[in-house]
Amino acid sequence: MIEFKLAKKEDIKKISSFIAKINSKEENHIGYCGTNSEEIANSLMKDIIDISFNESFIIGIEDEKIIGVLGFDTDFESNSAEIWGPFLKEDKWDIVAEMWSKMIEILPKGIGLISMFINKKNRNCLRLADSFHFIKESEEIILSFERTYAHKLQDTSIIELSTVYYEDMQLLHDKVFPNTYYSGSQIIERLNNHRKVFIDIKNNKLTGYIYVEVNPKFGEGSIEFFAVDELQRGKSIGSKLLTMALKWLFTFDSINNIILCVNSENKKALDLYKRVGFKQKHQLYYFTKKC
């Protein structure tokens, strides 16, 4: 008999290990959920904060073993939620509809939009998104830069964002990324020893920036945002900013590769990343649905 219940904090290791195992295969892969069990546990406990994971995740149990996990990460500021999963054992997809219904029952009524980030090869989740009438908003490419290529990076000085250029950085970010998960001011609020913005300056004016994050404990480094002023494009500023970010990220010994996400239609960005040394890792689809 299969039982559905809310996740419990004491089950965090079992849940994160289950997600890591399922999500490590492309045919089960959900883009933002990770494949390292410790990293997943850390995200569930520390990153899912508007509603804690033990109030937003449903697990399926059979013979005292986890056979499925499905949950959401809410953002009350934008009245939206990212769906984690469904993560199911291969022979248990017949329970997905019931599990989905259980999750929707605990979804806050104020949430107006839910989203899914599904690997192109994850046929089960793609069919699920279609059956629930999700709308495909975009196709994204996940790229990776391996430490073994770091010696090929060009020499360049690293210029960190200073208070003098806060306003310019915010204006550029909010212009290029008007509706994204961090505004320019939020990025500045997040800055610390593991979250940095590097910039390029010409004639005392900011021409571009790049925002990067590193989690040394889990060997994770990511390039979250970067942009070049439209009047300064085509001058190799993007390559310089990427090089700054990569050089800094690889100062952490635990970092072996850097991951980033690019819209598949952004051919110029894709060409730039590949010229610097990034390789394509995954192709994913971003779906949304109004509640």
Protein backbone atom coordinates (compact mmCIF):
# COMPACT_ATOMS: atom_id res chain seq x y z
CA MET A 1 0.00 0.00 0.00
CA ILE A 2 1.30 3.45 -0.98
CA GLU A 3 1.04 6.27 1.55
CA PHE A 4 1.41 9.99 0.82
CA LYS A 5 2.52 12.32 3.57
CA LEU A 6 4.29 15.59 4.26
CA ALA A 7 8.07 15.43 4.41
CA LYS A 8 9.64 15.48 7.88
CA LYS A 9 12.86 17.21 8.86
CA GLU A 10 14.22 14.00 10.33
CA ASP A 11 13.88 12.38 6.87
CA ILE A 12 16.00 15.05 5.15
CA LYS A 13 18.91 12.69 4.39
CA LYS A 14 16.68 10.02 2.88
CA ILE A 15 14.76 12.58 0.83
CA SER A 16 17.86 14.38 -0.47
CA SER A 17 19.57 11.08 -1.33
CA PHE A 18 16.47 9.96 -3.23
CA ILE A 19 16.29 13.22 -5.21
CA ALA A 20 20.03 13.10 -5.98
CA LYS A 21 19.80 9.55 -7.34
CA ILE A 22 16.75 10.24 -9.51
CA ASN A 23 17.88 13.68 -10.70
CA SER A 24 21.33 12.46 -11.78
CA LYS A 25 19.79 10.82 -14.87
CA GLU A 26 18.88 13.10 -17.76
CA GLU A 27 15.61 11.26 -18.35
CA ASN A 28 14.54 12.31 -14.82
CA HIS A 29 16.38 15.61 -14.57
CA ILE A 30 14.85 18.83 -13.17
CA GLY A 31 17.10 21.81 -13.81
CA TYR A 32 17.51 23.62 -10.50
CA CYS A 33 17.40 20.75 -8.02
CA GLY A 34 20.97 19.41 -8.03
CA THR A 35 22.53 15.96 -8.01
CA ASN A 36 24.59 16.11 -4.80
CA SER A 37 22.65 14.83 -1.79
CA GLU A 38 24.41 17.12 0.73
CA GLU A 39 23.86 20.13 -1.48
CA ILE A 40 20.19 19.21 -1.94
CA ALA A 41 19.72 18.78 1.81
CA ASN A 42 21.31 22.18 2.36
CA SER A 43 18.98 23.78 -0.22
CA LEU A 44 15.89 22.17 1.29
CA MET A 45 16.80 23.37 4.78
CA LYS A 46 18.23 26.82 4.04
CA ASP A 47 17.00 28.03 0.64
CA ILE A 48 13.35 27.03 0.81
CA ILE A 49 12.30 29.57 3.39
CA ASP A 50 8.96 31.25 2.55
CA ILE A 51 7.36 27.91 3.42
CA SER A 52 9.65 25.28 4.92
CA PHE A 53 10.19 22.08 2.97
CA ASN A 54 8.40 19.99 5.61
CA GLU A 55 5.25 21.97 4.77
CA SER A 56 5.72 22.09 1.00
CA PHE A 57 6.98 18.60 0.01
CA ILE A 58 4.97 15.41 -0.38
CA ILE A 59 6.65 12.02 -0.26
CA GLY A 60 5.28 8.67 -1.41
CA ILE A 61 6.05 5.71 0.84
CA GLU A 62 5.75 2.00 0.05
CA ASP A 63 7.04 -0.75 2.36
CA GLU A 64 8.64 1.98 4.49
CA LYS A 65 10.74 3.19 1.53
CA ILE A 66 10.51 6.44 -0.41
CA ILE A 67 9.26 5.91 -3.96
CA GLY A 68 8.46 9.51 -4.85
CA VAL A 69 9.11 13.14 -3.88
CA LEU A 70 7.27 16.24 -5.11
CA GLY A 71 7.27 19.75 -3.71
CA PHE A 72 7.55 23.45 -4.38
CA ASP A 73 9.65 26.46 -3.46
CA THR A 74 7.43 29.50 -2.93
CA ASP A 75 8.27 33.16 -3.50
CA PHE A 76 5.58 35.28 -1.89
CA GLU A 77 7.11 38.47 -3.29
CA SER A 78 6.27 37.36 -6.84
CA ASN A 79 3.33 35.10 -5.82
CA SER A 80 4.98 32.19 -7.61
CA ALA A 81 6.36 28.73 -6.88
CA GLU A 82 8.99 26.52 -8.52
CA ILE A 83 8.05 22.85 -8.68
CA TRP A 84 10.65 20.35 -7.45
CA GLY A 85 10.00 17.13 -9.31
CA PRO A 86 8.13 14.92 -9.65
CA PHE A 87 10.95 12.56 -8.65
CA LEU A 88 9.65 9.00 -8.95
CA LYS A 89 11.06 5.51 -9.23
CA GLU A 90 10.79 4.39 -12.84
CA ASP A 91 8.02 1.86 -12.20
CA LYS A 92 5.93 4.19 -10.01
CA TRP A 93 4.78 6.84 -12.46
CA ASP A 94 1.21 5.61 -12.14
CA ILE A 95 0.98 7.50 -8.82
CA VAL A 96 2.00 10.88 -10.26
CA ALA A 97 -1.55 12.27 -10.67
CA GLU A 98 -2.49 11.51 -7.08
CA MET A 99 0.80 12.85 -5.81
CA TRP A 100 0.35 16.05 -7.81
CA SER A 101 -3.13 16.52 -6.35
CA LYS A 102 -1.74 16.12 -2.82
CA MET A 103 0.86 18.80 -3.56
CA ILE A 104 -1.70 21.22 -5.01
CA GLU A 105 -3.77 20.84 -1.85
CA ILE A 106 -0.95 22.35 0.24
CA LEU A 107 -0.02 25.06 -2.30
CA PRO A 108 -0.86 28.48 -0.75
CA LYS A 109 -3.93 30.12 -2.24
CA GLY A 110 -2.05 33.36 -2.91
CA ILE A 111 0.28 31.68 -5.41
CA GLY A 112 -0.70 32.79 -8.90
CA LEU A 113 1.98 31.09 -11.00
CA ILE A 114 3.86 27.81 -10.85
CA SER A 115 6.85 26.85 -12.97
CA MET A 116 8.81 23.77 -14.02
CA PHE A 117 12.34 23.52 -15.45
CA ILE A 118 12.49 20.19 -17.27
CA ASN A 119 15.31 18.46 -19.11
CA LYS A 120 14.57 17.89 -22.80
CA LYS A 121 15.08 14.13 -22.25
CA ASN A 122 12.70 13.95 -19.26
CA ARG A 123 9.74 12.61 -21.26
CA ASN A 124 7.59 11.76 -18.23
CA CYS A 125 7.70 15.31 -16.87
CA LEU A 126 7.21 16.81 -20.31
CA ARG A 127 4.05 14.73 -20.76
CA LEU A 128 2.91 15.79 -17.29
CA ALA A 129 3.43 19.48 -18.10
CA ASP A 130 1.47 19.04 -21.30
CA SER A 131 -1.40 17.21 -19.56
CA PHE A 132 -1.72 20.05 -17.03
CA HIS A 133 -1.59 22.67 -19.81
CA PHE A 134 1.67 24.33 -18.82
CA ILE A 135 2.98 26.88 -21.31
CA LYS A 136 6.54 26.53 -22.61
CA GLU A 137 8.14 29.93 -22.07
CA SER A 138 11.66 29.23 -23.26
CA GLU A 139 14.36 26.71 -24.11
CA GLU A 140 17.55 26.97 -22.08
CA ILE A 141 21.06 25.57 -22.49
CA ILE A 142 23.13 24.54 -19.48
CA LEU A 143 26.85 25.06 -20.09
CA SER A 144 29.85 23.90 -18.08
CA PHE A 145 33.46 25.10 -17.83
CA GLU A 146 35.89 22.53 -16.44
CA ARG A 147 38.87 23.42 -14.21
CA THR A 148 41.17 21.53 -16.59
CA TYR A 149 40.68 24.35 -19.12
CA ALA A 150 41.42 27.17 -16.62
CA HIS A 151 45.07 27.43 -17.70
CA LYS A 152 43.87 28.53 -21.14
CA LEU A 153 42.16 31.66 -19.77
CA GLN A 154 43.72 34.96 -20.83
CA ASP A 155 45.51 37.14 -18.29
CA THR A 156 43.34 39.99 -17.02
CA SER A 157 43.06 42.06 -13.87
CA ILE A 158 40.04 41.42 -11.64
CA ILE A 159 38.04 44.54 -10.72
CA GLU A 160 35.49 44.09 -7.96
CA LEU A 161 32.37 46.25 -7.74
CA SER A 162 32.82 49.23 -5.38
CA THR A 163 30.20 51.54 -3.88
CA VAL A 164 31.08 54.17 -6.48
CA TYR A 165 29.50 52.02 -9.19
CA TYR A 166 26.54 50.56 -7.27
CA GLU A 167 23.97 52.76 -9.00
CA ASP A 168 25.40 52.16 -12.48
CA MET A 169 25.42 48.41 -11.92
CA GLN A 170 21.81 48.42 -10.67
CA LEU A 171 20.62 50.47 -13.65
CA LEU A 172 22.35 48.19 -16.17
CA HIS A 173 21.11 45.00 -14.50
CA ASP A 174 17.50 46.16 -14.19
CA LYS A 175 17.50 47.35 -17.80
CA VAL A 176 18.86 44.08 -19.21
CA PHE A 177 17.00 41.79 -16.75
CA PRO A 178 13.76 43.66 -15.87
CA ASN A 179 11.81 40.66 -14.52
CA THR A 180 14.17 38.15 -13.00
CA TYR A 181 14.78 36.48 -9.66
CA TYR A 182 17.19 39.15 -8.30
CA SER A 183 16.97 42.88 -8.94
CA GLY A 184 20.13 44.97 -9.03
CA SER A 185 19.58 46.14 -5.45
CA GLN A 186 19.00 42.55 -4.28
CA ILE A 187 22.29 41.45 -5.84
CA ILE A 188 24.12 44.20 -3.97
CA GLU A 189 22.42 43.15 -0.72
CA ARG A 190 23.63 39.58 -1.29
CA LEU A 191 27.31 40.47 -1.76
CA ASN A 192 29.75 38.74 0.60
CA ASN A 193 32.92 36.65 0.44
CA HIS A 194 31.17 34.01 -1.67
CA ARG A 195 29.02 36.29 -3.84
CA LYS A 196 30.83 38.82 -5.98
CA VAL A 197 30.23 41.31 -8.77
CA PHE A 198 33.15 42.10 -11.07
CA ILE A 199 33.08 45.04 -13.46
CA ASP A 200 34.76 46.61 -16.46
CA ILE A 201 35.46 50.35 -16.42
CA LYS A 202 36.24 52.73 -19.28
CA ASN A 203 36.79 56.45 -18.75
CA ASN A 204 35.49 56.10 -15.18
CA LYS A 205 32.21 54.63 -16.44
CA LEU A 206 30.92 51.11 -15.89
CA THR A 207 30.71 49.27 -19.22
CA GLY A 208 29.66 45.85 -17.90
CA TYR A 209 29.33 43.60 -14.87
CA ILE A 210 29.19 39.94 -13.94
CA TYR A 211 27.60 38.45 -10.79
CA VAL A 212 28.91 35.10 -9.54
CA GLU A 213 28.27 32.85 -6.56
CA VAL A 214 30.36 30.08 -5.03
CA ASN A 215 29.57 27.41 -2.46
CA PRO A 216 32.98 25.92 -1.59
CA LYS A 217 31.54 23.35 0.79
CA PHE A 218 29.70 21.63 -2.07
CA GLY A 219 32.19 22.51 -4.80
CA GLU A 220 29.65 24.68 -6.59
CA GLY A 221 30.29 27.82 -8.59
CA SER A 222 27.84 29.62 -10.85
CA ILE A 223 27.60 32.67 -13.07
CA GLU A 224 24.19 34.14 -12.32
CA PHE A 225 24.07 37.32 -14.42
CA PHE A 226 26.27 39.39 -16.62
CA ALA A 227 25.66 42.23 -19.03
CA VAL A 228 27.53 44.76 -21.16
CA ASP A 229 26.24 48.24 -21.96
CA GLU A 230 24.75 48.08 -25.45
CA LEU A 231 26.98 50.93 -26.68
CA GLN A 232 30.07 48.98 -25.59
CA ARG A 233 29.26 45.60 -27.10
CA GLY A 234 31.57 44.00 -29.63
CA LYS A 235 34.68 45.16 -27.78
CA SER A 236 35.56 41.88 -26.02
CA ILE A 237 34.26 43.20 -22.68
CA GLY A 238 32.09 40.09 -22.24
CA SER A 239 35.12 37.80 -22.62
CA LYS A 240 37.05 39.90 -20.11
CA LEU A 241 34.25 39.74 -17.53
CA LEU A 242 33.86 36.00 -17.96
CA THR A 243 37.59 35.55 -17.51
CA MET A 244 37.51 37.61 -14.29
CA ALA A 245 34.70 35.47 -12.92
CA LEU A 246 36.29 32.15 -13.84
CA LYS A 247 39.69 33.10 -12.45
CA TRP A 248 38.14 34.09 -9.12
CA LEU A 249 35.90 31.01 -8.93
CA PHE A 250 38.82 28.67 -9.50
CA THR A 251 40.73 30.18 -6.58
CA PHE A 252 38.53 27.83 -4.53
CA ASP A 253 40.15 24.39 -4.61
CA SER A 254 36.84 22.54 -4.29
CA ILE A 255 35.50 24.03 -7.54
CA ASN A 256 35.98 21.70 -10.50
CA ASN A 257 33.46 23.14 -12.93
CA ILE A 258 31.29 26.21 -13.43
CA ILE A 259 27.68 25.95 -14.57
CA LEU A 260 25.52 28.59 -16.25
CA CYS A 261 22.20 28.78 -18.07
CA VAL A 262 21.58 30.58 -21.38
CA ASN A 263 18.46 30.98 -23.50
CA SER A 264 18.91 28.80 -26.58
CA GLU A 265 17.89 31.71 -28.84
CA ASN A 266 20.69 33.89 -27.51
CA LYS A 267 23.18 32.79 -30.14
CA LYS A 268 25.64 35.62 -29.44
CA ALA A 269 25.90 34.69 -25.77
CA LEU A 270 26.22 30.99 -26.57
CA ASP A 271 29.00 31.72 -29.07
CA LEU A 272 30.78 33.90 -26.50
CA TYR A 273 30.63 31.24 -23.77
CA LYS A 274 31.85 28.55 -26.13
CA ARG A 275 34.73 30.73 -27.33
CA VAL A 276 35.86 31.17 -23.73
CA GLY A 277 35.73 27.39 -23.21
CA PHE A 278 32.24 26.41 -22.01
CA LYS A 279 30.71 23.14 -23.24
CA GLN A 280 27.00 22.29 -23.54
CA LYS A 281 25.78 19.97 -20.77
CA HIS A 282 21.96 19.98 -20.82
CA GLN A 283 19.04 21.42 -22.75
CA LEU A 284 15.98 22.30 -20.69
CA TYR A 285 12.51 23.73 -21.15
CA TYR A 286 11.02 26.35 -18.83
CA PHE A 287 7.26 26.01 -18.31
CA THR A 288 4.73 28.13 -16.42
CA LYS A 289 1.08 27.74 -15.49
CA LYS A 290 -1.33 30.19 -13.89
CA CYS A 291 -3.08 28.89 -10.83
